Amino acid sequence: MKSTTLNSAEKFDTSRANEYGRQSRIALAGYDACQDLAACMLAASLGTTTGAKILVVGAGGTAQEIIAMAKLEPGWRFTAVDPSEPMLEAAKQQLAANNLLDKTDLHLGQVEDLPADASYDAATLIGVLHHLEGDDAKRQILRSIRAHLKPGAPLIVAGNQYAYASQPLLLAAWGQRWRQHGASADEVKAKLGKILQGADPPHSEAAVQKLLHECGFGDATRFFSSLFWGAWLVCKTG
C-alpha cells in the first residue's frame, strides 16, 4: 500500500496543491457543506467527549475538515497525516491562518508511520479512497486507521464512488458544473478525460460498505451525496 499511496501522492504536486481549494469546491458541489456535516456527525457520535483526539488522514490542501471540527468543538485535538509535502504545507498555511497549529500535529507520510500506540477517539478519511488503485490498497489504509481507533470509535469516509464511465448522466452534469464556473468547452473535455483516467473509486455504495465490513467496521450511515461523491459515518467493531 505504501508504494501505491506514494504514487497517488505524486499527483498532488505544488501546482495542484496551490489550486486545490478552488478546484475542489467546483468539482464537489457542496464541498464546505460536506465538511461541516462531517464535523456535526462526529460531534453527534462522540457526544460529551469534549477533549477528543481526531486522526485526519489525507489532511493536505484546505484542512477544511479540521477547521470545521475545531469551530464546532474547540476542545478537540488533531493529528493530520498526508504523504504529499506540498499538500501538507498548504494545509499548514490554512491551519496557521485559522490559529489551529497549536491544536494540530502534522505528519508527512502514511498512517503506518504513526507510533504504534497512538490511539484516537475518531478519524476522517475524506477524498482519499478513490485515489488509491485497487481494493487491496483501499483495505490497507482502512485497516491501518482501524488499528489506531479506540473500540467503537467513529470514522468518516467520504469520496467518489461508481466507475465514472458507468454513469454518463452524472459525468455530463459534472462537466456542466465546470462550465457553470467559466470553463471553456475544451477545458471541460480535458477535465472529463482526466477524471476518467486519474482515479479508481469503489463502484457502488455497496462496494464501499463491503470494504468497510472487510476492514472491521459496522454498517455505514450516508449523510451527504453530490453527483459521484458520497460521505458516510461508520464505527469500529470489536
C-alpha atoms as a PDB file:
ATOM      1  CA  MET A   1       0.000   0.000   0.000  1.00  0.00           C
ATOM      2  CA  LYS A   2       2.816   2.396   0.744  1.00  0.00           C
ATOM      3  CA  SER A   3       4.074   2.399  -2.840  1.00  0.00           C
ATOM      4  CA  THR A   4       0.531   2.835  -4.146  1.00  0.00           C
ATOM      5  CA  THR A   5      -0.137   5.682  -1.737  1.00  0.00           C
ATOM      6  CA  LEU A   6       3.131   7.352  -2.644  1.00  0.00           C
ATOM      7  CA  ASN A   7       2.283   7.048  -6.319  1.00  0.00           C
ATOM      8  CA  SER A   8      -1.056   8.690  -5.603  1.00  0.00           C
ATOM      9  CA  ALA A   9       0.678  11.437  -3.640  1.00  0.00           C
ATOM     10  CA  GLU A  10       2.799  12.305  -6.673  1.00  0.00           C
ATOM     11  CA  LYS A  11      -0.338  13.647  -8.363  1.00  0.00           C
ATOM     12  CA  PHE A  12      -0.566  16.326  -5.677  1.00  0.00           C
ATOM     13  CA  ASP A  13       2.458  18.423  -6.582  1.00  0.00           C
ATOM     14  CA  THR A  14       2.945  22.108  -5.754  1.00  0.00           C
ATOM     15  CA  SER A  15       0.840  23.388  -8.665  1.00  0.00           C
ATOM     16  CA  ARG A  16      -2.081  21.141  -7.749  1.00  0.00           C
ATOM     17  CA  ALA A  17      -1.755  21.956  -4.048  1.00  0.00           C
ATOM     18  CA  ASN A  18      -1.914  25.677  -4.806  1.00  0.00           C
ATOM     19  CA  GLU A  19      -5.192  25.348  -6.712  1.00  0.00           C
ATOM     20  CA  TYR A  20      -6.704  22.575  -4.619  1.00  0.00           C
ATOM     21  CA  GLY A  21      -9.125  24.719  -2.633  1.00  0.00           C
ATOM     22  CA  ARG A  22     -10.761  26.350  -5.642  1.00  0.00           C
ATOM     23  CA  GLN A  23     -10.743  23.219  -7.797  1.00  0.00           C
ATOM     24  CA  SER A  24     -12.255  21.060  -5.045  1.00  0.00           C
ATOM     25  CA  ARG A  25     -15.104  23.462  -4.451  1.00  0.00           C
ATOM     26  CA  ILE A  26     -16.007  23.328  -8.144  1.00  0.00           C
ATOM     27  CA  ALA A  27     -15.542  19.582  -8.623  1.00  0.00           C
ATOM     28  CA  LEU A  28     -17.559  18.834  -5.480  1.00  0.00           C
ATOM     29  CA  ALA A  29     -20.726  20.879  -5.275  1.00  0.00           C
ATOM     30  CA  GLY A  30     -21.299  21.302  -1.548  1.00  0.00           C
ATOM     31  CA  TYR A  31     -17.651  20.861  -0.531  1.00  0.00           C
ATOM     32  CA  ASP A  32     -17.936  23.038   2.570  1.00  0.00           C
ATOM     33  CA  ALA A  33     -21.352  21.623   3.482  1.00  0.00           C
ATOM     34  CA  CYS A  34     -19.886  18.112   3.431  1.00  0.00           C
ATOM     35  CA  GLN A  35     -17.040  19.152   5.724  1.00  0.00           C
ATOM     36  CA  ASP A  36     -19.434  20.930   8.089  1.00  0.00           C
ATOM     37  CA  LEU A  37     -21.759  17.926   8.221  1.00  0.00           C
ATOM     38  CA  ALA A  38     -18.830  15.578   8.824  1.00  0.00           C
ATOM     39  CA  ALA A  39     -17.974  17.642  11.896  1.00  0.00           C
ATOM     40  CA  CYS A  40     -21.596  17.523  13.026  1.00  0.00           C
ATOM     41  CA  MET A  41     -21.785  13.755  12.544  1.00  0.00           C
ATOM     42  CA  LEU A  42     -18.634  13.170  14.592  1.00  0.00           C
ATOM     43  CA  ALA A  43     -19.801  15.507  17.342  1.00  0.00           C
ATOM     44  CA  ALA A  44     -23.161  13.729  17.447  1.00  0.00           C
ATOM     45  CA  SER A  45     -21.444  10.333  17.577  1.00  0.00           C
ATOM     46  CA  LEU A  46     -18.910  11.278  20.256  1.00  0.00           C
ATOM     47  CA  GLY A  47     -21.421  13.093  22.434  1.00  0.00           C
ATOM     48  CA  THR A  48     -19.762  14.514  25.537  1.00  0.00           C
ATOM     49  CA  THR A  49     -16.172  13.611  24.561  1.00  0.00           C
ATOM     50  CA  THR A  50     -15.029  17.233  24.732  1.00  0.00           C
ATOM     51  CA  GLY A  51     -11.290  16.507  24.655  1.00  0.00           C
ATOM     52  CA  ALA A  52     -11.359  14.067  21.740  1.00  0.00           C
ATOM     53  CA  LYS A  53      -8.279  13.203  19.706  1.00  0.00           C
ATOM     54  CA  ILE A  54      -9.081  13.021  15.988  1.00  0.00           C
ATOM     55  CA  LEU A  55      -6.958  11.353  13.291  1.00  0.00           C
ATOM     56  CA  VAL A  56      -7.303  13.177   9.958  1.00  0.00           C
ATOM     57  CA  VAL A  57      -5.952  11.061   7.098  1.00  0.00           C
ATOM     58  CA  GLY A  58      -5.304  12.837   3.798  1.00  0.00           C
ATOM     59  CA  ALA A  59      -5.488  16.204   5.543  1.00  0.00           C
ATOM     60  CA  GLY A  60      -3.491  18.108   2.933  1.00  0.00           C
ATOM     61  CA  GLY A  61      -4.863  21.019   0.925  1.00  0.00           C
ATOM     62  CA  THR A  62      -7.531  23.071   2.636  1.00  0.00           C
ATOM     63  CA  ALA A  63      -7.513  21.375   6.070  1.00  0.00           C
ATOM     64  CA  GLN A  64     -11.194  22.250   5.959  1.00  0.00           C
ATOM     65  CA  GLU A  65     -12.279  19.208   7.965  1.00  0.00           C
ATOM     66  CA  ILE A  66     -10.045  20.334  10.847  1.00  0.00           C
ATOM     67  CA  ILE A  67     -11.259  23.927  10.588  1.00  0.00           C
ATOM     68  CA  ALA A  68     -14.890  22.770  10.650  1.00  0.00           C
ATOM     69  CA  MET A  69     -14.372  20.397  13.569  1.00  0.00           C
ATOM     70  CA  ALA A  70     -12.405  22.910  15.635  1.00  0.00           C
ATOM     71  CA  LYS A  71     -15.090  25.562  15.163  1.00  0.00           C
ATOM     72  CA  LEU A  72     -17.729  23.174  16.481  1.00  0.00           C
ATOM     73  CA  GLU A  73     -15.575  21.532  19.176  1.00  0.00           C
ATOM     74  CA  PRO A  74     -12.758  23.853  20.343  1.00  0.00           C
ATOM     75  CA  GLY A  75     -11.516  21.245  22.832  1.00  0.00           C
ATOM     76  CA  TRP A  76     -10.662  18.623  20.222  1.00  0.00           C
ATOM     77  CA  ARG A  77      -7.075  17.993  19.101  1.00  0.00           C
ATOM     78  CA  PHE A  78      -5.994  16.699  15.708  1.00  0.00           C
ATOM     79  CA  THR A  79      -3.307  14.566  14.099  1.00  0.00           C
ATOM     80  CA  ALA A  80      -3.066  15.363  10.390  1.00  0.00           C
ATOM     81  CA  VAL A  81      -1.402  12.818   8.090  1.00  0.00           C
ATOM     82  CA  ASP A  82      -0.650  13.237   4.385  1.00  0.00           C
ATOM     83  CA  PRO A  83       2.003  11.691   2.076  1.00  0.00           C
ATOM     84  CA  SER A  84       2.259  14.818  -0.140  1.00  0.00           C
ATOM     85  CA  GLU A  85       4.594  17.518   1.178  1.00  0.00           C
ATOM     86  CA  PRO A  86       3.067  20.335  -0.944  1.00  0.00           C
ATOM     87  CA  MET A  87      -0.447  19.371   0.166  1.00  0.00           C
ATOM     88  CA  LEU A  88       0.564  19.192   3.827  1.00  0.00           C
ATOM     89  CA  GLU A  89       2.260  22.578   3.533  1.00  0.00           C
ATOM     90  CA  ALA A  90      -0.937  24.031   2.044  1.00  0.00           C
ATOM     91  CA  ALA A  91      -2.873  22.613   4.983  1.00  0.00           C
ATOM     92  CA  LYS A  92      -0.347  24.088   7.414  1.00  0.00           C
ATOM     93  CA  GLN A  93      -0.896  27.536   5.915  1.00  0.00           C
ATOM     94  CA  GLN A  94      -4.663  27.220   6.311  1.00  0.00           C
ATOM     95  CA  LEU A  95      -4.314  25.996   9.890  1.00  0.00           C
ATOM     96  CA  ALA A  96      -1.993  28.906  10.699  1.00  0.00           C
ATOM     97  CA  ALA A  97      -4.482  31.382   9.208  1.00  0.00           C
ATOM     98  CA  ASN A  98      -7.169  29.928  11.488  1.00  0.00           C
ATOM     99  CA  ASN A  99      -4.953  29.780  14.609  1.00  0.00           C
ATOM    100  CA  LEU A 100      -5.135  25.975  14.743  1.00  0.00           C
ATOM    101  CA  LEU A 101      -1.491  24.925  14.552  1.00  0.00           C
ATOM    102  CA  ASP A 102      -1.322  24.581  18.331  1.00  0.00           C
ATOM    103  CA  LYS A 103      -4.187  22.066  18.184  1.00  0.00           C
ATOM    104  CA  THR A 104      -2.754  20.002  15.299  1.00  0.00           C
ATOM    105  CA  ASP A 105       0.178  17.608  14.994  1.00  0.00           C
ATOM    106  CA  LEU A 106       1.302  17.390  11.353  1.00  0.00           C
ATOM    107  CA  HIS A 107       2.800  14.149   9.990  1.00  0.00           C
ATOM    108  CA  LEU A 108       4.250  13.818   6.487  1.00  0.00           C
ATOM    109  CA  GLY A 109       3.841  10.178   5.466  1.00  0.00           C
ATOM    110  CA  GLN A 110       1.498   7.245   5.993  1.00  0.00           C
ATOM    111  CA  VAL A 111      -0.818   6.148   8.778  1.00  0.00           C
ATOM    112  CA  GLU A 112       1.600   3.254   9.380  1.00  0.00           C
ATOM    113  CA  ASP A 113       4.315   5.773  10.254  1.00  0.00           C
ATOM    114  CA  LEU A 114       2.443   6.899  13.378  1.00  0.00           C
ATOM    115  CA  PRO A 115       3.584   5.468  16.735  1.00  0.00           C
ATOM    116  CA  ALA A 116       2.084   2.018  17.216  1.00  0.00           C
ATOM    117  CA  ASP A 117       0.473   3.059  20.497  1.00  0.00           C
ATOM    118  CA  ALA A 118      -1.157   6.212  19.100  1.00  0.00           C
ATOM    119  CA  SER A 119      -4.885   5.925  19.818  1.00  0.00           C
ATOM    120  CA  TYR A 120      -7.747   8.149  18.633  1.00  0.00           C
ATOM    121  CA  ASP A 121     -11.364   8.766  19.529  1.00  0.00           C
ATOM    122  CA  ALA A 122     -12.365   9.225  15.859  1.00  0.00           C
ATOM    123  CA  ALA A 123     -10.914   9.597  12.373  1.00  0.00           C
ATOM    124  CA  THR A 124     -11.677  11.065   8.974  1.00  0.00           C
ATOM    125  CA  LEU A 125     -10.735   9.790   5.510  1.00  0.00           C
ATOM    126  CA  ILE A 126     -12.067  12.392   3.105  1.00  0.00           C
ATOM    127  CA  GLY A 127     -11.242  12.469  -0.605  1.00  0.00           C
ATOM    128  CA  VAL A 128      -8.689   9.649  -0.402  1.00  0.00           C
ATOM    129  CA  LEU A 129     -10.106   6.212  -1.291  1.00  0.00           C
ATOM    130  CA  HIS A 130     -10.782   6.973  -4.958  1.00  0.00           C
ATOM    131  CA  HIS A 131      -7.120   7.971  -5.426  1.00  0.00           C
ATOM    132  CA  LEU A 132      -5.887   4.535  -4.302  1.00  0.00           C
ATOM    133  CA  GLU A 133      -5.619   1.937  -7.053  1.00  0.00           C
ATOM    134  CA  GLY A 134      -7.283  -1.389  -6.323  1.00  0.00           C
ATOM    135  CA  ASP A 135      -9.202  -2.769  -3.371  1.00  0.00           C
ATOM    136  CA  ASP A 136      -6.058  -4.048  -1.619  1.00  0.00           C
ATOM    137  CA  ALA A 137      -4.741  -0.508  -1.187  1.00  0.00           C
ATOM    138  CA  LYS A 138      -8.147   0.683  -0.012  1.00  0.00           C
ATOM    139  CA  ARG A 139      -8.402  -2.129   2.521  1.00  0.00           C
ATOM    140  CA  GLN A 140      -4.870  -1.473   3.777  1.00  0.00           C
ATOM    141  CA  ILE A 141      -5.487   2.178   4.603  1.00  0.00           C
ATOM    142  CA  LEU A 142      -8.811   1.375   6.276  1.00  0.00           C
ATOM    143  CA  ARG A 143      -7.185  -1.354   8.386  1.00  0.00           C
ATOM    144  CA  SER A 144      -4.319   0.954   9.297  1.00  0.00           C
ATOM    145  CA  ILE A 145      -6.801   3.563  10.517  1.00  0.00           C
ATOM    146  CA  ARG A 146      -8.797   0.951  12.431  1.00  0.00           C
ATOM    147  CA  ALA A 147      -5.652  -0.138  14.275  1.00  0.00           C
ATOM    148  CA  HIS A 148      -5.363   3.357  15.776  1.00  0.00           C
ATOM    149  CA  LEU A 149      -9.022   3.767  16.761  1.00  0.00           C
ATOM    150  CA  LYS A 150     -10.479   3.065  20.176  1.00  0.00           C
ATOM    151  CA  PRO A 151     -13.225   0.392  20.371  1.00  0.00           C
ATOM    152  CA  GLY A 152     -16.469   1.653  18.839  1.00  0.00           C
ATOM    153  CA  ALA A 153     -14.814   4.831  17.537  1.00  0.00           C
ATOM    154  CA  PRO A 154     -16.450   6.580  14.551  1.00  0.00           C
ATOM    155  CA  LEU A 155     -14.825   7.085  11.164  1.00  0.00           C
ATOM    156  CA  ILE A 156     -15.945   9.490   8.458  1.00  0.00           C
ATOM    157  CA  VAL A 157     -15.311   8.146   4.944  1.00  0.00           C
ATOM    158  CA  ALA A 158     -16.015  10.433   2.007  1.00  0.00           C
ATOM    159  CA  GLY A 159     -15.089  10.275  -1.657  1.00  0.00           C
ATOM    160  CA  ASN A 160     -16.180   9.377  -5.137  1.00  0.00           C
ATOM    161  CA  GLN A 161     -17.986   6.157  -5.974  1.00  0.00           C
ATOM    162  CA  TYR A 162     -19.041   4.484  -9.247  1.00  0.00           C
ATOM    163  CA  ALA A 163     -16.945   3.719 -12.284  1.00  0.00           C
ATOM    164  CA  TYR A 164     -17.198   7.157 -13.852  1.00  0.00           C
ATOM    165  CA  ALA A 165     -17.976   5.920 -17.366  1.00  0.00           C
ATOM    166  CA  SER A 166     -20.854   3.824 -15.989  1.00  0.00           C
ATOM    167  CA  GLN A 167     -22.762   6.994 -15.048  1.00  0.00           C
ATOM    168  CA  PRO A 168     -22.863   9.116 -18.238  1.00  0.00           C
ATOM    169  CA  LEU A 169     -25.542  11.495 -16.935  1.00  0.00           C
ATOM    170  CA  LEU A 170     -23.612  12.228 -13.736  1.00  0.00           C
ATOM    171  CA  LEU A 171     -20.420  12.626 -15.773  1.00  0.00           C
ATOM    172  CA  ALA A 172     -22.136  15.063 -18.127  1.00  0.00           C
ATOM    173  CA  ALA A 173     -23.524  17.017 -15.177  1.00  0.00           C
ATOM    174  CA  TRP A 174     -20.034  17.143 -13.672  1.00  0.00           C
ATOM    175  CA  GLY A 175     -18.805  18.670 -16.929  1.00  0.00           C
ATOM    176  CA  GLN A 176     -21.617  21.222 -16.817  1.00  0.00           C
ATOM    177  CA  ARG A 177     -20.541  22.098 -13.278  1.00  0.00           C
ATOM    178  CA  TRP A 178     -17.177  23.203 -14.642  1.00  0.00           C
ATOM    179  CA  ARG A 179     -18.851  25.106 -17.487  1.00  0.00           C
ATOM    180  CA  GLN A 180     -21.016  26.828 -14.869  1.00  0.00           C
ATOM    181  CA  HIS A 181     -17.795  28.159 -13.366  1.00  0.00           C
ATOM    182  CA  GLY A 182     -16.354  29.506 -16.595  1.00  0.00           C
ATOM    183  CA  ALA A 183     -14.533  26.545 -18.152  1.00  0.00           C
ATOM    184  CA  SER A 184     -14.432  26.512 -21.956  1.00  0.00           C
ATOM    185  CA  ALA A 185     -15.625  23.533 -23.988  1.00  0.00           C
ATOM    186  CA  ASP A 186     -12.014  22.403 -24.479  1.00  0.00           C
ATOM    187  CA  GLU A 187     -11.276  22.762 -20.779  1.00  0.00           C
ATOM    188  CA  VAL A 188     -14.352  20.717 -19.877  1.00  0.00           C
ATOM    189  CA  LYS A 189     -13.308  17.999 -22.328  1.00  0.00           C
ATOM    190  CA  ALA A 190      -9.822  17.898 -20.794  1.00  0.00           C
ATOM    191  CA  LYS A 191     -11.200  17.640 -17.265  1.00  0.00           C
ATOM    192  CA  LEU A 192     -13.579  14.833 -18.258  1.00  0.00           C
ATOM    193  CA  GLY A 193     -10.678  12.950 -19.818  1.00  0.00           C
ATOM    194  CA  LYS A 194      -8.608  13.444 -16.681  1.00  0.00           C
ATOM    195  CA  ILE A 195     -11.258  12.128 -14.300  1.00  0.00           C
ATOM    196  CA  LEU A 196     -11.811   9.052 -16.480  1.00  0.00           C
ATOM    197  CA  GLN A 197      -8.124   8.154 -16.276  1.00  0.00           C
ATOM    198  CA  GLY A 198      -6.989   9.515 -12.941  1.00  0.00           C
ATOM    199  CA  ALA A 199      -8.784   7.623 -10.172  1.00  0.00           C
ATOM    200  CA  ASP A 200     -10.189   4.259  -9.097  1.00  0.00           C
ATOM    201  CA  PRO A 201     -13.320   4.801  -6.981  1.00  0.00           C
ATOM    202  CA  PRO A 202     -15.373   1.977  -5.434  1.00  0.00           C
ATOM    203  CA  HIS A 203     -18.030   1.049  -7.988  1.00  0.00           C
ATOM    204  CA  SER A 204     -21.094   1.454  -5.779  1.00  0.00           C
ATOM    205  CA  GLU A 205     -22.238   2.314  -2.285  1.00  0.00           C
ATOM    206  CA  ALA A 206     -22.480  -1.437  -1.673  1.00  0.00           C
ATOM    207  CA  ALA A 207     -18.792  -1.732  -2.632  1.00  0.00           C
ATOM    208  CA  VAL A 208     -17.920   0.961  -0.091  1.00  0.00           C
ATOM    209  CA  GLN A 209     -19.872  -0.901   2.593  1.00  0.00           C
ATOM    210  CA  LYS A 210     -18.199  -4.202   1.646  1.00  0.00           C
ATOM    211  CA  LEU A 211     -14.749  -2.652   2.052  1.00  0.00           C
ATOM    212  CA  LEU A 212     -15.713  -1.263   5.453  1.00  0.00           C
ATOM    213  CA  HIS A 213     -17.102  -4.604   6.645  1.00  0.00           C
ATOM    214  CA  GLU A 214     -13.968  -6.426   5.467  1.00  0.00           C
ATOM    215  CA  CYS A 215     -11.832  -3.997   7.449  1.00  0.00           C
ATOM    216  CA  GLY A 216     -13.622  -4.313  10.778  1.00  0.00           C
ATOM    217  CA  PHE A 217     -16.244  -1.577  10.620  1.00  0.00           C
ATOM    218  CA  GLY A 218     -20.006  -1.830  11.008  1.00  0.00           C
ATOM    219  CA  ASP A 219     -22.859  -0.608   8.839  1.00  0.00           C
ATOM    220  CA  ALA A 220     -22.319   2.847   7.372  1.00  0.00           C
ATOM    221  CA  THR A 221     -24.755   5.763   7.545  1.00  0.00           C
ATOM    222  CA  ARG A 222     -24.658   8.022   4.498  1.00  0.00           C
ATOM    223  CA  PHE A 223     -25.168  11.680   5.365  1.00  0.00           C
ATOM    224  CA  PHE A 224     -24.129  13.507   2.169  1.00  0.00           C
ATOM    225  CA  SER A 225     -24.255  12.939  -1.582  1.00  0.00           C
ATOM    226  CA  SER A 226     -23.284  15.086  -4.577  1.00  0.00           C
ATOM    227  CA  LEU A 227     -23.077  13.536  -8.065  1.00  0.00           C
ATOM    228  CA  PHE A 228     -20.314  10.892  -7.718  1.00  0.00           C
ATOM    229  CA  TRP A 229     -19.478  11.881  -4.154  1.00  0.00           C
ATOM    230  CA  GLY A 230     -20.756  10.180  -1.023  1.00  0.00           C
ATOM    231  CA  ALA A 231     -19.984  10.630   2.676  1.00  0.00           C
ATOM    232  CA  TRP A 232     -20.618   8.066   5.419  1.00  0.00           C
ATOM    233  CA  LEU A 233     -20.146   7.617   9.147  1.00  0.00           C
ATOM    234  CA  VAL A 234     -19.180   4.147  10.324  1.00  0.00           C
ATOM    235  CA  CYS A 235     -17.911   2.774  13.645  1.00  0.00           C
ATOM    236  CA  LYS A 236     -15.165   0.322  14.525  1.00  0.00           C
ATOM    237  CA  THR A 237     -16.484  -3.065  15.593  1.00  0.00           C
ATOM    238  CA  GLY A 238     -14.943  -5.282  18.224  1.00  0.00           C
END
